Amino acid sequence: MATKDILSPLPGTFYRKPSPDAAPYKNEGDVVKKGDVIGLIEVMKSFHEVQSDADGTIASFVAENEEPVMAGQPLITLNI
């Protein structure tokens, strides 16, 4: 099975859920479609949605919730 990484579009902090008390956007094993929101990147108190750029199943989260990330860093690995 082929894999594809979803990369961070910006440097900032990666969040898997929209707010601290909310459920994560997606979990390992979830099916995603191109355009689905899979997380947020916070840059200077501004939040930017990270969308899947392919259809697939989430194999693993490379970046942890609330982890600082760099632009181009893998966030999620998809099985496609």
C-alpha atoms as a PDB file:
ATOM      1  CA  MET A   1       0.000   0.000   0.000  1.00  0.00           C
ATOM      2  CA  ALA A   2       1.305   3.450  -0.876  1.00  0.00           C
ATOM      3  CA  THR A   3       1.641   6.199   1.707  1.00  0.00           C
ATOM      4  CA  LYS A   4       1.560   9.985   1.527  1.00  0.00           C
ATOM      5  CA  ASP A   5       2.524  12.568   4.119  1.00  0.00           C
ATOM      6  CA  ILE A   6       0.380  15.620   4.774  1.00  0.00           C
ATOM      7  CA  LEU A   7       2.805  18.476   5.394  1.00  0.00           C
ATOM      8  CA  SER A   8       2.523  21.584   7.519  1.00  0.00           C
ATOM      9  CA  PRO A   9       1.826  24.604   5.305  1.00  0.00           C
ATOM     10  CA  LEU A  10       3.237  27.026   7.909  1.00  0.00           C
ATOM     11  CA  PRO A  11       5.559  27.110  10.903  1.00  0.00           C
ATOM     12  CA  GLY A  12       3.621  27.210  14.167  1.00  0.00           C
ATOM     13  CA  THR A  13       1.888  24.957  16.674  1.00  0.00           C
ATOM     14  CA  PHE A  14      -0.098  21.937  15.461  1.00  0.00           C
ATOM     15  CA  TYR A  15      -3.469  21.221  17.075  1.00  0.00           C
ATOM     16  CA  ARG A  16      -5.501  18.069  16.421  1.00  0.00           C
ATOM     17  CA  LYS A  17      -8.746  19.565  17.758  1.00  0.00           C
ATOM     18  CA  PRO A  18     -10.609  22.851  17.328  1.00  0.00           C
ATOM     19  CA  SER A  19     -10.680  23.640  21.066  1.00  0.00           C
ATOM     20  CA  PRO A  20      -9.301  22.067  24.253  1.00  0.00           C
ATOM     21  CA  ASP A  21     -12.623  20.429  25.189  1.00  0.00           C
ATOM     22  CA  ALA A  22     -13.539  19.254  21.663  1.00  0.00           C
ATOM     23  CA  ALA A  23     -12.917  15.881  20.049  1.00  0.00           C
ATOM     24  CA  PRO A  24     -10.007  15.624  17.584  1.00  0.00           C
ATOM     25  CA  TYR A  25     -10.774  16.361  13.934  1.00  0.00           C
ATOM     26  CA  LYS A  26      -9.501  12.895  12.987  1.00  0.00           C
ATOM     27  CA  ASN A  27      -7.932   9.832  14.642  1.00  0.00           C
ATOM     28  CA  GLU A  28      -5.640   7.072  13.418  1.00  0.00           C
ATOM     29  CA  GLY A  29      -7.630   4.682  11.233  1.00  0.00           C
ATOM     30  CA  ASP A  30     -10.135   7.337  10.105  1.00  0.00           C
ATOM     31  CA  VAL A  31     -10.914   7.657   6.413  1.00  0.00           C
ATOM     32  CA  VAL A  32     -10.272  11.131   5.003  1.00  0.00           C
ATOM     33  CA  LYS A  33     -11.277  12.754   1.740  1.00  0.00           C
ATOM     34  CA  LYS A  34      -9.370  15.460  -0.080  1.00  0.00           C
ATOM     35  CA  GLY A  35     -10.321  18.771   1.571  1.00  0.00           C
ATOM     36  CA  ASP A  36     -11.178  17.308   5.011  1.00  0.00           C
ATOM     37  CA  VAL A  37      -9.810  19.362   7.916  1.00  0.00           C
ATOM     38  CA  ILE A  38      -7.296  17.259   9.849  1.00  0.00           C
ATOM     39  CA  GLY A  39      -5.942  19.894  12.233  1.00  0.00           C
ATOM     40  CA  LEU A  40      -4.963  23.505  12.835  1.00  0.00           C
ATOM     41  CA  ILE A  41      -1.700  25.431  12.765  1.00  0.00           C
ATOM     42  CA  GLU A  42      -1.518  28.408  15.122  1.00  0.00           C
ATOM     43  CA  VAL A  43       0.744  31.275  14.122  1.00  0.00           C
ATOM     44  CA  MET A  44       0.775  34.343  16.384  1.00  0.00           C
ATOM     45  CA  LYS A  45      -2.761  33.701  17.743  1.00  0.00           C
ATOM     46  CA  SER A  46      -4.138  33.119  14.237  1.00  0.00           C
ATOM     47  CA  PHE A  47      -5.437  29.637  13.403  1.00  0.00           C
ATOM     48  CA  HIS A  48      -5.141  28.101   9.916  1.00  0.00           C
ATOM     49  CA  GLU A  49      -6.927  24.888   8.899  1.00  0.00           C
ATOM     50  CA  VAL A  50      -4.798  22.028   7.597  1.00  0.00           C
ATOM     51  CA  GLN A  51      -6.702  20.072   4.961  1.00  0.00           C
ATOM     52  CA  SER A  52      -5.974  16.683   3.511  1.00  0.00           C
ATOM     53  CA  ASP A  53      -4.665  16.931  -0.035  1.00  0.00           C
ATOM     54  CA  ALA A  54      -5.549  13.299  -0.855  1.00  0.00           C
ATOM     55  CA  ASP A  55      -8.096  10.577  -0.118  1.00  0.00           C
ATOM     56  CA  GLY A  56      -6.925   7.826   2.220  1.00  0.00           C
ATOM     57  CA  THR A  57      -6.835   6.380   5.719  1.00  0.00           C
ATOM     58  CA  ILE A  58      -4.808   7.932   8.518  1.00  0.00           C
ATOM     59  CA  ALA A  59      -1.934   5.554   9.246  1.00  0.00           C
ATOM     60  CA  SER A  60      -0.294   7.707  11.932  1.00  0.00           C
ATOM     61  CA  PHE A  61       0.137  11.180  13.318  1.00  0.00           C
ATOM     62  CA  VAL A  62       3.765  12.205  12.898  1.00  0.00           C
ATOM     63  CA  ALA A  63       3.293  15.445  14.862  1.00  0.00           C
ATOM     64  CA  GLU A  64       1.789  15.356  18.342  1.00  0.00           C
ATOM     65  CA  ASN A  65      -1.016  17.643  19.529  1.00  0.00           C
ATOM     66  CA  GLU A  66       0.317  21.082  20.572  1.00  0.00           C
ATOM     67  CA  GLU A  67       3.741  20.328  19.074  1.00  0.00           C
ATOM     68  CA  PRO A  68       5.730  23.130  17.399  1.00  0.00           C
ATOM     69  CA  VAL A  69       6.191  22.359  13.693  1.00  0.00           C
ATOM     70  CA  MET A  70       8.096  23.844  10.777  1.00  0.00           C
ATOM     71  CA  ALA A  71       6.723  24.543   7.301  1.00  0.00           C
ATOM     72  CA  GLY A  72       7.028  21.385   5.206  1.00  0.00           C
ATOM     73  CA  GLN A  73       7.238  19.084   8.238  1.00  0.00           C
ATOM     74  CA  PRO A  74       5.090  15.912   8.002  1.00  0.00           C
ATOM     75  CA  LEU A  75       2.008  16.019  10.246  1.00  0.00           C
ATOM     76  CA  ILE A  76       0.154  12.853   9.210  1.00  0.00           C
ATOM     77  CA  THR A  77       0.899   9.757   7.143  1.00  0.00           C
ATOM     78  CA  LEU A  78      -1.959   8.499   4.968  1.00  0.00           C
ATOM     79  CA  ASN A  79      -2.395   5.083   3.416  1.00  0.00           C
ATOM     80  CA  ILE A  80      -3.641   5.850  -0.084  1.00  0.00           C
END
